[in-house]
Amino acid sequence: MIPRKKLIFYIILLLILILIILFVYNHRVKIKRIINPFLLAIVISYLVHPVVEKLEGERISRAKGILIVYIGISLFAAAVIIFIIPGLIENTKQLINALPGIITEYRDLLSSVLTSVRRSRLPDEIKEAMFTEINASMAMAQDYIISYLKKSVSRIAGILDFIINMLLAMIIAYYFIKDSGFFKSTILSLIPKKQRKGILLAGREVHLVLTSFIQGQLLTALIVGTMEVAGLVLLKVKYPIVMGLISGIGNVIPYFGPIIGAIPAVAVALIDSPLKALLTVIMFFIIQQIDNIVITPKIVEGRVGLHPVTTIFAVLVGNEFFGISGMLLAVPAAAVLKVILKRAMEALV
């Protein structure tokens, strides 16, 4: 039986948590702008920290180790800008210029489908329903593409914002790693001694979850994306760098991501021929099987600890409330929440 005072405390705590969630949701756009560099800093910290620890083992101070890693990252970024970005930009330009032609190709394909349906012996009611749905879907897709193209110019400002956020995140990550002991001791000093052990255990579990997801998923996405670019080049699918980048990013999203990432490449391949589209689907399928059987088990090792149903639910909720960014963050957020709730329930017993 839980003491009355303790029960009242937990009820108040729950109400405060609900109010915080409502506040965050109502002001999510502003909050997103504020926390973006901090979220990037957390990702950078988890990627840089293992290397810094190894350098510390070689008697290099933490501050110098971080700067050495940052110099390495800068050199790698410069190499990417010199050797990969020009091809990516060229691919993107070609794709944007080709979009009207791709739309026309699919419109002609749709017209032939509609003609076949019109000539079929299906009841008029079914034909009418099919025409309505197909036309509505085509109009929606066309409006989305046109809207995306109109926004493409304004996205230059978005790239500038990302660069500023990344630079700010690297500064924040520097202090996260350099002064990690200070942050840890400060947080612990705010927690009553009786709860410290449980909080420490929860913190270690959260740390393991975030390490597994950030390091594992990003490395997996890089490997899978590279394999898919190579596959698209071999199949001579147009715009392979852009399509591989989309599919690689999509791979970070469990279950739905690989399908979402593969759709643009298959759609482009279908313009050339149905056979090429089929081969593209087979290529994506084979790579996903290699990922599922070999790559992900070796790198991630299931340490996120979520049941597939929970993962799917989390991704759907993330997409509904926050779009693509919500889908990307849904799994680690759900895994962290699971750890916190588990420890909270253990404390109640």
Protein backbone atom coordinates (compact mmCIF):
# COMPACT_ATOMS: atom_id res chain seq x y z
CA MET A 1 0.00 0.00 0.00
CA ILE A 2 1.45 3.37 -1.06
CA PRO A 3 1.43 6.05 1.71
CA ARG A 4 -1.08 8.86 1.13
CA LYS A 5 1.54 11.64 0.98
CA LYS A 6 3.60 9.67 -1.53
CA LEU A 7 0.51 8.99 -3.66
CA ILE A 8 -0.43 12.69 -3.66
CA PHE A 9 3.15 13.54 -4.65
CA TYR A 10 3.06 11.13 -7.62
CA ILE A 11 -0.36 12.42 -8.74
CA ILE A 12 0.94 16.01 -8.66
CA LEU A 13 4.06 14.88 -10.53
CA LEU A 14 1.87 13.18 -13.19
CA LEU A 15 -0.27 16.33 -13.58
CA ILE A 16 2.87 18.46 -13.98
CA LEU A 17 4.15 16.03 -16.62
CA ILE A 18 0.83 16.25 -18.52
CA LEU A 19 0.96 20.07 -18.39
CA ILE A 20 4.56 20.02 -19.68
CA ILE A 21 3.54 17.72 -22.56
CA LEU A 22 0.61 20.03 -23.47
CA PHE A 23 2.87 23.09 -23.29
CA VAL A 24 5.52 21.43 -25.48
CA TYR A 25 2.91 20.37 -28.05
CA ASN A 26 1.25 23.82 -28.22
CA HIS A 27 4.61 25.58 -28.63
CA ARG A 28 6.38 22.82 -30.53
CA VAL A 29 7.54 25.01 -33.46
CA LYS A 30 9.35 27.51 -31.21
CA ILE A 31 10.66 24.77 -28.93
CA LYS A 32 11.93 22.82 -31.95
CA ARG A 33 13.97 25.84 -33.09
CA ILE A 34 15.46 26.23 -29.62
CA ILE A 35 16.31 22.57 -28.96
CA ASN A 36 17.54 21.68 -32.49
CA PRO A 37 21.19 22.61 -31.76
CA PHE A 38 21.02 20.73 -28.44
CA LEU A 39 19.64 17.59 -30.12
CA LEU A 40 22.39 17.82 -32.75
CA ALA A 41 24.90 18.32 -29.92
CA ILE A 42 23.71 15.10 -28.25
CA VAL A 43 24.14 13.19 -31.54
CA ILE A 44 27.62 14.69 -32.05
CA SER A 45 28.56 13.88 -28.44
CA TYR A 46 27.61 10.22 -28.83
CA LEU A 47 29.58 9.97 -32.07
CA VAL A 48 32.68 11.84 -30.85
CA HIS A 49 32.91 10.63 -27.23
CA PRO A 50 34.17 7.05 -27.93
CA VAL A 51 37.06 8.42 -30.03
CA VAL A 52 37.90 11.04 -27.38
CA GLU A 53 38.01 8.29 -24.72
CA LYS A 54 40.49 6.30 -26.84
CA LEU A 55 42.66 9.41 -27.26
CA GLU A 56 42.54 9.91 -23.47
CA GLY A 57 43.96 6.41 -23.17
CA GLU A 58 46.90 7.68 -25.24
CA ARG A 59 47.43 10.48 -22.65
CA ILE A 60 45.86 13.19 -24.79
CA SER A 61 43.72 15.60 -22.75
CA ARG A 62 39.97 15.57 -23.31
CA ALA A 63 39.90 19.14 -24.69
CA LYS A 64 42.72 18.42 -27.16
CA GLY A 65 41.11 15.09 -28.10
CA ILE A 66 37.83 16.80 -28.98
CA LEU A 67 39.66 19.38 -31.12
CA ILE A 68 41.60 16.58 -32.91
CA VAL A 69 38.33 14.77 -33.68
CA TYR A 70 36.74 18.03 -34.85
CA ILE A 71 39.69 18.64 -37.19
CA GLY A 72 39.24 15.10 -38.55
CA ILE A 73 35.50 15.72 -39.04
CA SER A 74 36.27 19.04 -40.81
CA LEU A 75 38.72 17.33 -43.18
CA PHE A 76 36.17 14.59 -43.88
CA ALA A 77 33.47 17.22 -44.50
CA ALA A 78 35.82 19.07 -46.87
CA ALA A 79 36.45 15.83 -48.80
CA VAL A 80 32.70 15.21 -49.01
CA ILE A 81 32.12 18.79 -50.24
CA ILE A 82 34.86 18.45 -52.87
CA PHE A 83 34.15 14.93 -54.15
CA ILE A 84 30.50 14.09 -53.36
CA ILE A 85 28.47 17.31 -53.02
CA PRO A 86 29.04 18.43 -56.66
CA GLY A 87 27.61 15.11 -57.89
CA LEU A 88 24.72 15.39 -55.44
CA ILE A 89 23.94 18.95 -56.58
CA GLU A 90 24.13 17.90 -60.23
CA ASN A 91 21.86 14.91 -59.57
CA THR A 92 19.40 17.17 -57.75
CA LYS A 93 19.36 19.73 -60.58
CA GLN A 94 18.79 16.98 -63.15
CA LEU A 95 15.98 15.52 -61.05
CA ILE A 96 14.25 18.91 -60.59
CA ASN A 97 14.52 19.60 -64.34
CA ALA A 98 13.22 16.12 -65.15
CA LEU A 99 10.24 16.22 -62.74
CA PRO A 100 7.80 17.78 -65.26
CA GLY A 101 8.70 15.04 -67.76
CA ILE A 102 8.32 12.35 -65.09
CA ILE A 103 4.89 13.76 -64.17
CA THR A 104 3.90 13.71 -67.86
CA GLU A 105 5.09 10.09 -68.21
CA TYR A 106 3.00 9.00 -65.23
CA ARG A 107 0.03 11.04 -66.43
CA ASP A 108 0.19 9.19 -69.78
CA LEU A 109 0.51 5.88 -67.91
CA LEU A 110 -2.51 6.83 -65.80
CA SER A 111 -4.49 7.74 -68.91
CA SER A 112 -3.83 4.31 -70.40
CA VAL A 113 -4.95 2.67 -67.13
CA LEU A 114 -8.13 4.76 -67.11
CA THR A 115 -8.79 3.83 -70.73
CA SER A 116 -8.42 0.13 -69.91
CA VAL A 117 -10.80 0.52 -66.95
CA ARG A 118 -13.31 2.42 -69.10
CA ARG A 119 -13.31 -0.40 -71.69
CA SER A 120 -13.63 -3.13 -69.09
CA ARG A 121 -16.89 -4.89 -68.17
CA LEU A 122 -16.86 -3.67 -64.58
CA PRO A 123 -20.11 -2.14 -63.22
CA ASP A 124 -20.43 1.62 -63.81
CA GLU A 125 -20.48 2.34 -60.05
CA ILE A 126 -17.09 0.62 -59.55
CA LYS A 127 -15.65 2.40 -62.59
CA GLU A 128 -16.82 5.77 -61.27
CA ALA A 129 -15.35 5.09 -57.82
CA MET A 130 -12.02 4.06 -59.36
CA PHE A 131 -11.91 7.17 -61.60
CA THR A 132 -12.61 9.42 -58.61
CA GLU A 133 -9.92 7.87 -56.42
CA ILE A 134 -7.27 7.76 -59.16
CA ASN A 135 -7.89 11.37 -60.21
CA ALA A 136 -7.86 12.58 -56.60
CA SER A 137 -4.57 10.74 -55.89
CA MET A 138 -2.96 12.13 -59.04
CA ALA A 139 -4.07 15.67 -58.25
CA MET A 140 -2.72 15.35 -54.70
CA ALA A 141 0.65 14.05 -55.92
CA GLN A 142 0.92 16.79 -58.55
CA ASP A 143 0.06 19.53 -56.04
CA TYR A 144 2.67 18.17 -53.63
CA ILE A 145 5.41 18.13 -56.28
CA ILE A 146 4.58 21.66 -57.47
CA SER A 147 4.52 22.93 -53.89
CA TYR A 148 7.88 21.24 -53.20
CA LEU A 149 9.46 22.87 -56.26
CA LYS A 150 8.15 26.31 -55.23
CA LYS A 151 9.71 25.87 -51.80
CA SER A 152 13.05 24.66 -53.17
CA VAL A 153 14.42 28.21 -53.47
CA SER A 154 13.45 29.11 -49.90
CA ARG A 155 15.22 25.96 -48.67
CA ILE A 156 18.56 27.73 -49.22
CA ALA A 157 17.78 29.68 -46.04
CA GLY A 158 17.01 26.34 -44.36
CA ILE A 159 20.47 25.04 -45.34
CA LEU A 160 22.03 28.18 -43.82
CA ASP A 161 20.04 27.60 -40.61
CA PHE A 162 21.26 23.99 -40.52
CA ILE A 163 24.90 25.10 -40.90
CA ILE A 164 24.49 27.64 -38.07
CA ASN A 165 22.77 25.02 -35.89
CA MET A 166 25.54 22.52 -36.66
CA LEU A 167 28.29 24.98 -35.69
CA LEU A 168 26.43 25.87 -32.50
CA ALA A 169 25.85 22.16 -31.80
CA MET A 170 29.58 21.42 -32.16
CA ILE A 171 30.34 24.11 -29.55
CA ILE A 172 27.68 22.73 -27.18
CA ALA A 173 28.91 19.15 -27.78
CA TYR A 174 32.46 20.30 -26.95
CA TYR A 175 31.30 21.34 -23.47
CA PHE A 176 29.03 18.28 -23.09
CA ILE A 177 32.05 16.00 -23.57
CA LYS A 178 34.72 18.13 -21.88
CA ASP A 179 32.63 18.84 -18.76
CA SER A 180 30.60 15.62 -18.63
CA GLY A 181 31.72 15.02 -15.04
CA PHE A 182 30.50 18.48 -14.01
CA PHE A 183 27.07 17.93 -15.60
CA LYS A 184 26.75 14.50 -13.97
CA SER A 185 27.68 15.75 -10.48
CA THR A 186 25.40 18.79 -10.84
CA ILE A 187 22.39 16.64 -11.78
CA LEU A 188 23.12 14.16 -8.96
CA SER A 189 23.39 17.00 -6.43
CA LEU A 190 19.79 17.97 -7.23
CA ILE A 191 18.52 14.44 -6.53
CA PRO A 192 17.79 13.20 -2.99
CA LYS A 193 20.33 10.59 -1.83
CA LYS A 194 17.67 7.87 -1.51
CA GLN A 195 16.76 8.15 -5.20
CA ARG A 196 20.30 8.52 -6.58
CA LYS A 197 20.97 4.82 -7.09
CA GLY A 198 17.76 4.32 -9.08
CA ILE A 199 18.38 7.49 -11.12
CA LEU A 200 21.94 6.35 -11.89
CA LEU A 201 20.72 2.93 -13.07
CA ALA A 202 18.05 4.59 -15.23
CA GLY A 203 20.67 7.00 -16.60
CA ARG A 204 22.95 4.12 -17.57
CA GLU A 205 20.09 2.34 -19.34
CA VAL A 206 19.13 5.55 -21.19
CA HIS A 207 22.79 6.04 -22.14
CA LEU A 208 22.95 2.49 -23.55
CA VAL A 209 19.73 3.03 -25.54
CA LEU A 210 20.93 6.33 -27.02
CA THR A 211 24.39 4.92 -27.78
CA SER A 212 22.86 1.94 -29.54
CA PHE A 213 20.44 4.02 -31.58
CA ILE A 214 22.62 7.01 -32.51
CA GLN A 215 25.86 5.17 -33.25
CA GLY A 216 24.23 1.97 -34.52
CA GLN A 217 21.45 3.41 -36.67
CA LEU A 218 23.61 6.12 -38.26
CA LEU A 219 26.39 3.65 -39.09
CA THR A 220 23.81 1.19 -40.45
CA ALA A 221 22.18 3.95 -42.54
CA LEU A 222 25.59 4.93 -43.95
CA ILE A 223 26.46 1.34 -44.90
CA VAL A 224 23.02 0.59 -46.38
CA GLY A 225 22.89 3.94 -48.22
CA THR A 226 26.31 3.31 -49.77
CA MET A 227 25.26 -0.20 -50.87
CA GLU A 228 22.05 1.19 -52.40
CA VAL A 229 23.91 3.93 -54.30
CA ALA A 230 26.25 1.25 -55.69
CA GLY A 231 23.24 -0.92 -56.64
CA LEU A 232 21.49 1.97 -58.39
CA VAL A 233 24.68 2.81 -60.31
CA LEU A 234 25.02 -0.83 -61.44
CA LEU A 235 21.37 -0.89 -62.55
CA LYS A 236 21.89 2.47 -64.33
CA VAL A 237 18.97 4.08 -62.49
CA LYS A 238 19.02 7.86 -62.93
CA TYR A 239 20.05 10.21 -60.08
CA PRO A 240 21.65 7.41 -58.00
CA ILE A 241 23.32 9.71 -55.42
CA VAL A 242 20.08 11.54 -54.56
CA MET A 243 18.07 8.31 -54.51
CA GLY A 244 20.69 6.55 -52.38
CA LEU A 245 20.78 9.49 -49.95
CA ILE A 246 16.98 9.42 -49.60
CA SER A 247 16.92 5.66 -49.02
CA GLY A 248 19.86 5.83 -46.58
CA ILE A 249 18.11 8.49 -44.48
CA GLY A 250 14.88 6.52 -44.70
CA ASN A 251 16.65 3.48 -43.30
CA VAL A 252 16.95 5.25 -39.91
CA ILE A 253 13.14 4.95 -39.57
CA PRO A 254 12.29 1.35 -38.57
CA TYR A 255 9.94 -0.73 -40.75
CA PHE A 256 8.47 2.15 -42.81
CA GLY A 257 11.71 3.96 -43.66
CA PRO A 258 13.18 1.43 -46.13
CA ILE A 259 9.87 1.37 -48.07
CA ILE A 260 9.55 5.18 -48.09
CA GLY A 261 13.19 5.50 -49.16
CA ALA A 262 12.85 2.98 -52.00
CA ILE A 263 9.71 4.48 -53.62
CA PRO A 264 11.43 7.43 -55.44
CA ALA A 265 14.12 5.18 -56.95
CA VAL A 266 11.57 2.58 -58.11
CA ALA A 267 9.36 5.34 -59.56
CA VAL A 268 12.30 6.76 -61.55
CA ALA A 269 13.36 3.27 -62.72
CA LEU A 270 9.81 2.53 -63.88
CA ILE A 271 10.04 5.43 -66.36
CA ASP A 272 12.84 3.56 -68.16
CA SER A 273 11.23 0.13 -68.06
CA PRO A 274 9.13 -2.18 -65.86
CA LEU A 275 12.06 -4.64 -65.84
CA LYS A 276 14.44 -2.02 -64.42
CA ALA A 277 11.84 -1.13 -61.76
CA LEU A 278 11.51 -4.81 -60.84
CA LEU A 279 15.31 -5.20 -60.63
CA THR A 280 15.44 -2.08 -58.44
CA VAL A 281 12.83 -3.56 -56.08
CA ILE A 282 14.81 -6.83 -55.94
CA MET A 283 18.04 -4.89 -55.24
CA PHE A 284 16.42 -2.97 -52.35
CA PHE A 285 14.90 -6.19 -51.00
CA ILE A 286 18.26 -8.03 -51.04
CA ILE A 287 20.06 -5.14 -49.33
CA GLN A 288 17.34 -4.93 -46.66
CA GLN A 289 17.69 -8.65 -46.00
CA ILE A 290 21.47 -8.24 -45.62
CA ASP A 291 20.77 -5.34 -43.25
CA ASN A 292 18.21 -7.30 -41.21
CA ILE A 293 20.24 -10.53 -41.02
CA VAL A 294 23.85 -9.29 -40.87
CA ILE A 295 24.36 -5.54 -40.41
CA THR A 296 21.76 -4.47 -37.81
CA PRO A 297 22.23 -7.50 -35.48
CA LYS A 298 26.02 -6.95 -35.51
CA ILE A 299 25.89 -3.18 -34.91
CA VAL A 300 22.70 -2.50 -32.94
CA GLU A 301 22.32 -5.92 -31.23
CA GLY A 302 18.71 -5.22 -30.24
CA ARG A 303 19.76 -2.99 -27.31
CA VAL A 304 17.00 -0.43 -27.94
CA GLY A 305 14.72 -3.00 -26.33
CA LEU A 306 11.37 -2.25 -27.95
CA HIS A 307 8.86 -4.81 -29.18
CA PRO A 308 8.11 -4.45 -32.94
CA VAL A 309 4.49 -3.46 -32.19
CA THR A 310 5.69 -0.71 -29.81
CA THR A 311 8.19 0.49 -32.44
CA ILE A 312 5.51 0.70 -35.15
CA PHE A 313 3.13 2.53 -32.78
CA ALA A 314 5.88 5.00 -31.79
CA VAL A 315 6.76 5.73 -35.44
CA LEU A 316 3.07 6.29 -36.35
CA VAL A 317 2.58 8.66 -33.38
CA GLY A 318 5.79 10.53 -34.23
CA ASN A 319 4.70 10.96 -37.83
CA GLU A 320 1.19 12.13 -36.84
CA PHE A 321 2.41 14.87 -34.50
CA PHE A 322 5.82 15.90 -35.83
CA GLY A 323 6.15 14.51 -39.39
CA ILE A 324 9.46 13.05 -40.65
CA SER A 325 11.49 14.44 -37.72
CA GLY A 326 8.97 12.77 -35.37
CA MET A 327 9.47 9.43 -37.15
CA LEU A 328 13.25 9.76 -36.78
CA LEU A 329 13.08 10.55 -33.06
CA ALA A 330 10.13 8.31 -32.14
CA VAL A 331 12.09 5.11 -31.44
CA PRO A 332 14.80 6.53 -29.13
CA ALA A 333 12.16 8.68 -27.37
CA ALA A 334 9.93 5.63 -26.82
CA ALA A 335 12.89 3.54 -25.59
CA VAL A 336 13.97 6.27 -23.14
CA LEU A 337 10.35 6.67 -21.93
CA LYS A 338 10.17 2.90 -21.39
CA VAL A 339 13.28 3.00 -19.18
CA ILE A 340 11.95 5.94 -17.15
CA LEU A 341 8.52 4.33 -16.65
CA LYS A 342 10.10 1.00 -15.72
CA ARG A 343 12.30 2.62 -13.07
CA ALA A 344 9.37 4.76 -11.81
CA MET A 345 7.17 1.67 -11.38
CA GLU A 346 10.00 -0.14 -9.56
CA ALA A 347 10.31 2.84 -7.19
CA LEU A 348 6.56 2.69 -6.45
CA VAL A 349 6.62 -0.97 -5.46
